[in-house]
Amino acid sequence: MGLIKALVGSVAGTLSDTWKDYFVCDSLDNDTLMVKGTKRGYSGSNEVITNGSGIVVNEGQCALVVEEGNILEVAAEPGNYTFDSSMSPSIFDGGMEGLKNTFKDALGRFTYGGDVNKSQRVYYVNTKEIMGNMYGTATPIPFRVVIDKNRGVDADIAVRCNGEYSFRIVNPLVFYQKVAGNRANRFDKEEILSLMKSEMLDALNPAFARISEMGIRYSELPSHTAELKEALTEVLGKKWEEERGIAFQSITVNSVTVPEADAERIKNAQFAALNKDPEMANATLVSATADAMRDAAKNPNGPTAGFVGVNMAQNTAAGLYQQTAPTQEVYGYCPFCGKALPVAGAKFCPFCGKELA
């Protein structure tokens, strides 16, 4: 048994006129993953494909000729085909990756030859991108935020996100054998969507870990969907393709939210990490002092009382700054200006410029 692809033009028209029956499938919508082909013609049973029957395959479809649940023929290229029971098994793969190897493996398990006297069907698998599949995290997902990469300071927070994703059937044989099976009519995406969504949400945990390692902040996720898709594909790719013949295609992120307590904790940690640098801490001190002096001038007990408090705060902060400021090694003192010499064996003072003895 095999398929012959009809030629274009007048030959195709002549060949189609000789078909005893022909199988067609209307356009497959976004919700339909597989449907049984509709038989049109003159022969009796819908469960028998007579020799010389035609099979029409449209764009975005893959036709599977099935006998007693076993796949006999595959046509993933659009066109008109003639079923010939005297030919060897055939495949038109349309460049679909992995399809030929799967079909070759299946040939070892099936027997061919002679006229068909068993139940046969034609199934059409939707190979277009299946879009508009919504997701949302029911529970928060851990996300590691890098506070200070140089000092190795980070923190784990909980994020929630939502959006939509898409997928595509890239190996119709695997999809039929392991998912859809020998259906009486059709297989809709709703039958598998809940499971796929659960697996995708589980995969977000390791995917977010990879994203955070790249230094991408949680608030930047909506603009880094390419990296998120790559991370999810790394986690889901092999499982979905080997077990279902399905490939993860794309993902969008509509919004990312974190609990208010986590957002405040990150802000405080970033501020603390920033002020570990003595220069930055001093700048913060200057800014805070200026604010305090403005407030002191408005003190209801008089500006003098306010400035007393400012001076106390300045003295305390100055002491803290001196503790955190880096110490500089001293190589004696200049006999003219009295300042500490930062360089050993200097011939001239770097401050007053006078020659040292």
Protein backbone atom coordinates (compact mmCIF):
# COMPACT_ATOMS: atom_id res chain seq x y z
CA MET A 1 0.00 0.00 0.00
CA GLY A 2 1.20 3.49 -0.73
CA LEU A 3 0.35 7.01 -1.74
CA ILE A 4 0.96 8.57 -5.15
CA LYS A 5 1.08 12.33 -5.24
CA ALA A 6 -0.98 13.65 -8.14
CA LEU A 7 0.73 16.01 -10.61
CA VAL A 8 -0.40 19.57 -11.02
CA GLY A 9 -2.47 20.89 -13.92
CA SER A 10 -4.38 18.72 -16.38
CA VAL A 11 -2.85 15.47 -15.10
CA ALA A 12 -4.15 16.19 -11.60
CA GLY A 13 -7.59 16.91 -12.99
CA THR A 14 -7.64 13.71 -15.01
CA LEU A 15 -6.46 11.66 -12.03
CA SER A 16 -9.02 13.18 -9.71
CA ASP A 17 -11.77 12.21 -12.15
CA THR A 18 -10.77 8.55 -11.84
CA TRP A 19 -11.00 8.48 -8.03
CA LYS A 20 -13.59 6.06 -6.71
CA ASP A 21 -13.77 7.90 -3.39
CA TYR A 22 -11.89 10.77 -1.90
CA PHE A 23 -11.20 11.95 1.64
CA VAL A 24 -11.19 15.61 2.60
CA CYS A 25 -10.96 17.73 5.72
CA ASP A 26 -12.33 21.21 6.11
CA SER A 27 -10.05 23.87 7.59
CA LEU A 28 -8.97 22.87 11.09
CA ASP A 29 -9.66 25.58 13.65
CA ASN A 30 -7.44 26.55 16.58
CA ASP A 31 -9.32 24.23 18.97
CA THR A 32 -9.11 21.04 16.86
CA LEU A 33 -5.91 18.99 16.98
CA MET A 34 -7.08 15.92 15.04
CA VAL A 35 -10.22 14.93 13.15
CA LYS A 36 -11.37 11.92 11.15
CA GLY A 37 -11.48 12.63 7.42
CA THR A 38 -14.80 12.89 5.61
CA LYS A 39 -15.31 10.31 2.87
CA ARG A 40 -17.07 11.40 -0.29
CA GLY A 41 -17.83 9.15 -3.24
CA TYR A 42 -19.80 6.11 -4.22
CA SER A 43 -18.47 3.10 -2.34
CA GLY A 44 -20.27 1.82 0.73
CA SER A 45 -18.34 1.60 3.99
CA ASN A 46 -16.72 4.62 5.60
CA GLU A 47 -14.23 2.22 7.20
CA VAL A 48 -12.67 1.05 3.90
CA ILE A 49 -10.39 2.96 1.56
CA THR A 50 -10.82 1.46 -1.87
CA ASN A 51 -7.87 1.11 -4.24
CA GLY A 52 -7.53 4.29 -6.31
CA SER A 53 -9.26 6.54 -3.80
CA GLY A 54 -8.07 10.11 -3.43
CA ILE A 55 -6.84 11.89 -0.30
CA VAL A 56 -6.71 15.69 -0.24
CA VAL A 57 -4.28 17.39 2.15
CA ASN A 58 -4.44 21.15 2.75
CA GLU A 59 -1.88 23.57 4.21
CA GLY A 60 -1.36 23.09 7.95
CA GLN A 61 -2.56 19.47 7.85
CA CYS A 62 -0.97 16.03 7.99
CA ALA A 63 -2.99 13.04 6.74
CA LEU A 64 -2.55 9.64 8.43
CA VAL A 65 -3.92 6.50 6.78
CA VAL A 66 -4.72 4.10 9.61
CA GLU A 67 -5.64 0.41 9.52
CA GLU A 68 -6.88 -1.23 12.72
CA GLY A 69 -5.20 1.56 14.70
CA ASN A 70 -1.83 1.15 12.95
CA ILE A 71 -0.44 3.95 10.77
CA LEU A 72 0.09 2.84 7.16
CA GLU A 73 0.73 6.06 5.24
CA VAL A 74 1.68 9.64 6.06
CA ALA A 75 1.26 12.78 3.96
CA ALA A 76 2.34 16.06 5.56
CA GLU A 77 2.78 17.97 2.28
CA PRO A 78 -0.25 19.77 0.85
CA GLY A 79 -1.59 18.21 -2.34
CA ASN A 80 -3.78 15.48 -3.87
CA TYR A 81 -2.84 11.84 -3.33
CA THR A 82 -4.03 8.52 -4.75
CA PHE A 83 -4.18 5.43 -2.56
CA ASP A 84 -2.57 2.45 -4.33
CA SER A 85 -2.75 -0.92 -2.57
CA SER A 86 -0.04 -2.42 -4.79
CA MET A 87 2.66 0.03 -3.69
CA SER A 88 5.07 -0.05 -0.78
CA PRO A 89 4.33 2.14 2.26
CA SER A 90 5.05 5.79 1.52
CA ILE A 91 5.62 9.04 3.38
CA PHE A 92 5.46 12.67 2.29
CA ASP A 93 6.85 14.46 5.31
CA GLY A 94 6.76 18.10 4.25
CA GLY A 95 10.10 18.64 5.96
CA MET A 96 8.66 17.89 9.42
CA GLU A 97 11.61 17.07 11.65
CA GLY A 98 11.60 13.60 13.16
CA LEU A 99 8.67 12.32 11.09
CA LYS A 100 10.68 10.08 8.76
CA ASN A 101 12.57 8.36 11.56
CA THR A 102 9.36 7.70 13.48
CA PHE A 103 7.69 6.27 10.37
CA LYS A 104 10.72 4.10 9.58
CA ASP A 105 10.59 2.69 13.11
CA ALA A 106 6.87 1.98 12.76
CA LEU A 107 7.37 0.01 9.51
CA GLY A 108 9.05 -2.78 11.41
CA ARG A 109 5.88 -3.44 13.37
CA PHE A 110 3.30 -3.49 10.56
CA THR A 111 2.63 -5.91 7.66
CA TYR A 112 1.50 -4.78 4.22
CA GLY A 113 0.33 -6.28 0.93
CA GLY A 114 -2.80 -7.27 -0.95
CA ASP A 115 -6.18 -5.64 -0.98
CA VAL A 116 -7.49 -4.25 2.25
CA ASN A 117 -10.27 -6.12 4.01
CA LYS A 118 -9.89 -4.45 7.40
CA SER A 119 -11.19 -1.24 8.93
CA GLN A 120 -9.34 1.79 7.57
CA ARG A 121 -9.58 5.49 8.33
CA VAL A 122 -7.95 8.75 7.34
CA TYR A 123 -7.13 11.20 10.14
CA TYR A 124 -6.05 14.79 9.67
CA VAL A 125 -3.70 16.29 12.27
CA ASN A 126 -3.52 20.05 12.73
CA THR A 127 0.12 21.14 12.25
CA LYS A 128 -0.50 24.89 12.57
CA GLU A 129 0.61 26.86 15.63
CA ILE A 130 -2.07 26.51 18.32
CA MET A 131 -2.34 29.94 19.94
CA GLY A 132 -4.27 31.73 22.67
CA ASN A 133 -3.67 29.26 25.50
CA MET A 134 -3.93 31.23 28.74
CA TYR A 135 -1.93 30.56 31.90
CA GLY A 136 -1.67 32.09 35.34
CA THR A 137 0.25 31.12 38.47
CA ALA A 138 -2.22 29.94 41.09
CA THR A 139 0.51 30.01 43.74
CA PRO A 140 3.60 32.27 43.89
CA ILE A 141 6.75 31.02 42.16
CA PRO A 142 10.19 31.54 43.72
CA PHE A 143 12.42 34.03 41.92
CA ARG A 144 15.95 34.92 42.99
CA VAL A 145 16.85 38.61 42.85
CA VAL A 146 20.51 39.63 42.70
CA ILE A 147 21.08 42.54 45.10
CA ASP A 148 24.83 42.95 44.74
CA LYS A 149 26.54 40.63 42.26
CA ASN A 150 30.06 41.66 43.30
CA ARG A 151 29.43 40.76 46.94
CA GLY A 152 27.20 37.74 46.18
CA VAL A 153 24.15 39.27 47.88
CA ASP A 154 20.78 37.96 46.63
CA ALA A 155 17.30 37.24 47.94
CA ASP A 156 14.42 34.90 47.10
CA ILE A 157 11.02 36.45 46.51
CA ALA A 158 7.64 35.11 45.37
CA VAL A 159 6.24 36.27 42.03
CA ARG A 160 2.94 35.79 40.24
CA CYS A 161 2.53 36.15 36.50
CA ASN A 162 0.03 35.48 33.73
CA GLY A 163 -0.10 35.50 29.95
CA GLU A 164 -0.54 33.06 27.09
CA TYR A 165 1.52 30.50 25.22
CA SER A 166 1.40 28.55 21.96
CA PHE A 167 2.46 25.10 20.78
CA ARG A 168 2.57 23.06 17.58
CA ILE A 169 2.32 19.38 16.68
CA VAL A 170 5.69 18.64 15.05
CA ASN A 171 5.41 14.84 14.91
CA PRO A 172 1.84 13.73 14.02
CA LEU A 173 2.77 10.03 14.29
CA VAL A 174 3.83 10.35 17.92
CA PHE A 175 0.80 12.53 18.64
CA TYR A 176 -1.55 9.90 17.18
CA GLN A 177 0.17 6.90 18.79
CA LYS A 178 0.64 8.35 22.28
CA VAL A 179 -2.09 10.98 22.68
CA ALA A 180 -5.05 11.02 20.30
CA GLY A 181 -5.43 7.33 19.44
CA ASN A 182 -8.05 5.79 17.15
CA ARG A 183 -10.80 8.38 17.62
CA ALA A 184 -14.31 7.94 16.27
CA ASN A 185 -14.45 11.60 15.30
CA ARG A 186 -12.11 14.29 16.69
CA PHE A 187 -9.59 15.27 19.35
CA ASP A 188 -9.83 18.81 20.74
CA LYS A 189 -7.06 20.69 22.54
CA GLU A 190 -9.22 21.01 25.68
CA GLU A 191 -8.61 17.31 26.31
CA ILE A 192 -4.90 17.89 26.88
CA LEU A 193 -4.66 21.61 27.65
CA SER A 194 -5.11 21.28 31.42
CA LEU A 195 -2.23 18.80 31.68
CA MET A 196 0.04 20.90 29.46
CA LYS A 197 -0.72 24.01 31.49
CA SER A 198 0.14 22.22 34.76
CA GLU A 199 3.42 20.97 33.32
CA MET A 200 4.28 24.42 31.97
CA LEU A 201 3.64 26.06 35.35
CA ASP A 202 5.85 23.42 37.00
CA ALA A 203 8.54 24.23 34.44
CA LEU A 204 8.42 27.91 35.36
CA ASN A 205 10.35 27.17 38.59
CA PRO A 206 13.58 26.01 36.86
CA ALA A 207 12.96 28.45 33.98
CA PHE A 208 12.83 31.41 36.36
CA ALA A 209 16.01 30.14 38.01
CA ARG A 210 17.77 30.31 34.62
CA ILE A 211 16.33 33.76 33.96
CA SER A 212 17.53 35.13 37.30
CA GLU A 213 21.03 33.71 36.63
CA MET A 214 21.12 35.91 33.52
CA GLY A 215 20.69 38.96 35.76
CA ILE A 216 17.19 39.71 34.44
CA ARG A 217 14.96 41.33 37.06
CA TYR A 218 11.44 40.05 37.66
CA SER A 219 10.01 43.39 36.53
CA GLU A 220 11.76 42.98 33.16
CA LEU A 221 10.21 39.58 32.33
CA PRO A 222 7.58 40.98 29.90
CA SER A 223 10.40 42.28 27.67
CA HIS A 224 12.47 39.08 27.88
CA THR A 225 9.99 36.49 26.59
CA ALA A 226 12.58 35.11 24.13
CA GLU A 227 14.84 34.09 27.02
CA LEU A 228 11.87 32.71 28.95
CA LYS A 229 10.74 30.65 25.94
CA GLU A 230 14.28 29.27 25.54
CA ALA A 231 14.40 28.34 29.23
CA LEU A 232 10.98 26.64 29.09
CA THR A 233 11.92 24.78 25.91
CA GLU A 234 15.02 23.47 27.65
CA VAL A 235 12.85 22.07 30.44
CA LEU A 236 9.79 20.92 28.47
CA GLY A 237 11.14 20.33 24.97
CA LYS A 238 12.31 16.73 25.18
CA LYS A 239 9.35 15.53 27.23
CA TRP A 240 6.68 17.13 25.07
CA GLU A 241 8.23 16.06 21.77
CA GLU A 242 9.03 12.46 22.77
CA GLU A 243 5.80 11.80 24.65
CA ARG A 244 3.33 13.85 22.58
CA GLY A 245 5.01 15.01 19.37
CA ILE A 246 4.38 18.60 20.51
CA ALA A 247 6.82 21.51 20.58
CA PHE A 248 6.59 24.61 22.77
CA GLN A 249 6.43 27.63 20.44
CA SER A 250 6.08 30.95 22.26
CA ILE A 251 5.04 32.65 25.49
CA THR A 252 3.92 36.14 26.49
CA VAL A 253 3.95 37.68 29.97
CA ASN A 254 1.18 40.19 30.62
CA SER A 255 2.12 41.19 34.16
CA VAL A 256 4.39 40.20 37.04
CA THR A 257 3.51 41.02 40.64
CA VAL A 258 5.26 40.45 43.97
CA PRO A 259 3.89 40.78 47.53
CA GLU A 260 4.32 44.27 48.97
CA ALA A 261 6.46 42.92 51.80
CA ASP A 262 8.88 41.30 49.31
CA ALA A 263 9.11 44.49 47.24
CA GLU A 264 9.93 46.51 50.39
CA ARG A 265 12.49 43.92 51.49
CA ILE A 266 14.26 44.12 48.12
CA LYS A 267 14.28 47.91 48.25
CA ASN A 268 15.80 47.94 51.74
CA ALA A 269 18.39 45.31 50.80
CA GLN A 270 19.42 47.28 47.71
CA PHE A 271 19.74 50.44 49.79
CA ALA A 272 21.87 48.65 52.38
CA ALA A 273 24.09 47.11 49.69
CA LEU A 274 24.51 50.53 48.07
CA ASN A 275 25.66 52.11 51.32
CA LYS A 276 28.37 49.51 51.87
CA ASP A 277 30.44 51.73 49.61
CA PRO A 278 31.82 54.48 51.93
CA GLU A 279 31.58 57.12 49.20
CA MET A 280 27.95 56.27 48.53
CA ALA A 281 27.25 56.17 52.26
CA ASN A 282 28.78 59.64 52.63
CA ALA A 283 26.64 60.94 49.76
CA THR A 284 23.56 59.52 51.45
CA LEU A 285 24.63 61.19 54.69
CA VAL A 286 25.03 64.57 52.99
CA SER A 287 21.60 64.27 51.37
CA ALA A 288 19.97 63.22 54.63
CA THR A 289 21.70 66.06 56.51
CA ALA A 290 20.42 68.62 54.03
CA ASP A 291 16.88 67.29 54.44
CA ALA A 292 17.27 67.35 58.22
CA MET A 293 18.48 70.94 58.23
CA ARG A 294 15.48 72.04 56.19
CA ASP A 295 13.19 70.25 58.64
CA ALA A 296 15.07 71.73 61.64
CA ALA A 297 14.40 75.24 60.38
CA LYS A 298 10.68 74.44 60.63
CA ASN A 299 10.93 73.00 64.19
CA PRO A 300 8.02 74.30 66.31
CA ASN A 301 10.38 74.60 69.32
CA GLY A 302 12.63 76.87 67.36
CA PRO A 303 15.44 76.20 64.87
CA THR A 304 18.07 76.04 67.62
CA ALA A 305 16.52 72.93 69.15
CA GLY A 306 16.22 71.40 65.73
CA PHE A 307 19.86 72.01 64.84
CA VAL A 308 21.02 70.46 68.14
CA GLY A 309 19.44 67.21 66.99
CA VAL A 310 20.98 67.57 63.55
CA ASN A 311 24.47 68.01 65.06
CA MET A 312 24.05 64.92 67.22
CA ALA A 313 22.99 62.89 64.18
CA GLN A 314 25.91 64.25 62.15
CA ASN A 315 28.45 63.31 64.82
CA THR A 316 27.03 59.78 65.09
CA ALA A 317 26.93 59.31 61.33
CA ALA A 318 30.43 60.71 60.91
CA GLY A 319 31.71 58.19 63.42
CA LEU A 320 30.03 55.38 61.52
CA TYR A 321 31.47 56.63 58.24
CA GLN A 322 34.97 56.73 59.70
CA GLN A 323 34.55 53.12 60.81
CA THR A 324 33.56 51.98 57.34
CA ALA A 325 35.93 54.23 55.38
CA PRO A 326 38.98 52.43 54.00
CA THR A 327 42.21 53.05 55.93
CA GLN A 328 45.23 54.40 54.08
CA GLU A 329 48.77 53.40 54.99
CA VAL A 330 50.92 56.34 56.20
CA TYR A 331 54.63 56.75 55.36
CA GLY A 332 55.55 59.60 57.72
CA TYR A 333 54.42 63.22 57.76
CA CYS A 334 55.50 66.33 55.84
CA PRO A 335 57.59 68.62 58.12
CA PHE A 336 56.20 71.70 56.33
CA CYS A 337 52.42 71.13 56.10
CA GLY A 338 52.14 68.24 58.58
CA LYS A 339 50.03 66.02 56.29
CA ALA A 340 50.46 62.24 56.12
CA LEU A 341 52.58 60.99 53.25
CA PRO A 342 50.81 58.26 51.23
CA VAL A 343 53.92 57.15 49.29
CA ALA A 344 57.06 55.59 50.76
CA GLY A 345 60.33 57.38 49.96
CA ALA A 346 58.66 60.39 48.32
CA LYS A 347 61.07 63.23 47.42
CA PHE A 348 58.39 65.92 47.34
CA CYS A 349 55.25 66.41 49.39
CA PRO A 350 52.17 65.73 47.21
CA PHE A 351 50.24 68.39 49.15
CA CYS A 352 52.55 71.41 49.55
CA GLY A 353 55.09 70.47 46.87
CA LYS A 354 58.13 71.14 49.04
CA GLU A 355 61.22 68.95 48.81
CA LEU A 356 61.56 66.43 51.58
CA ALA A 357 64.86 65.78 53.25
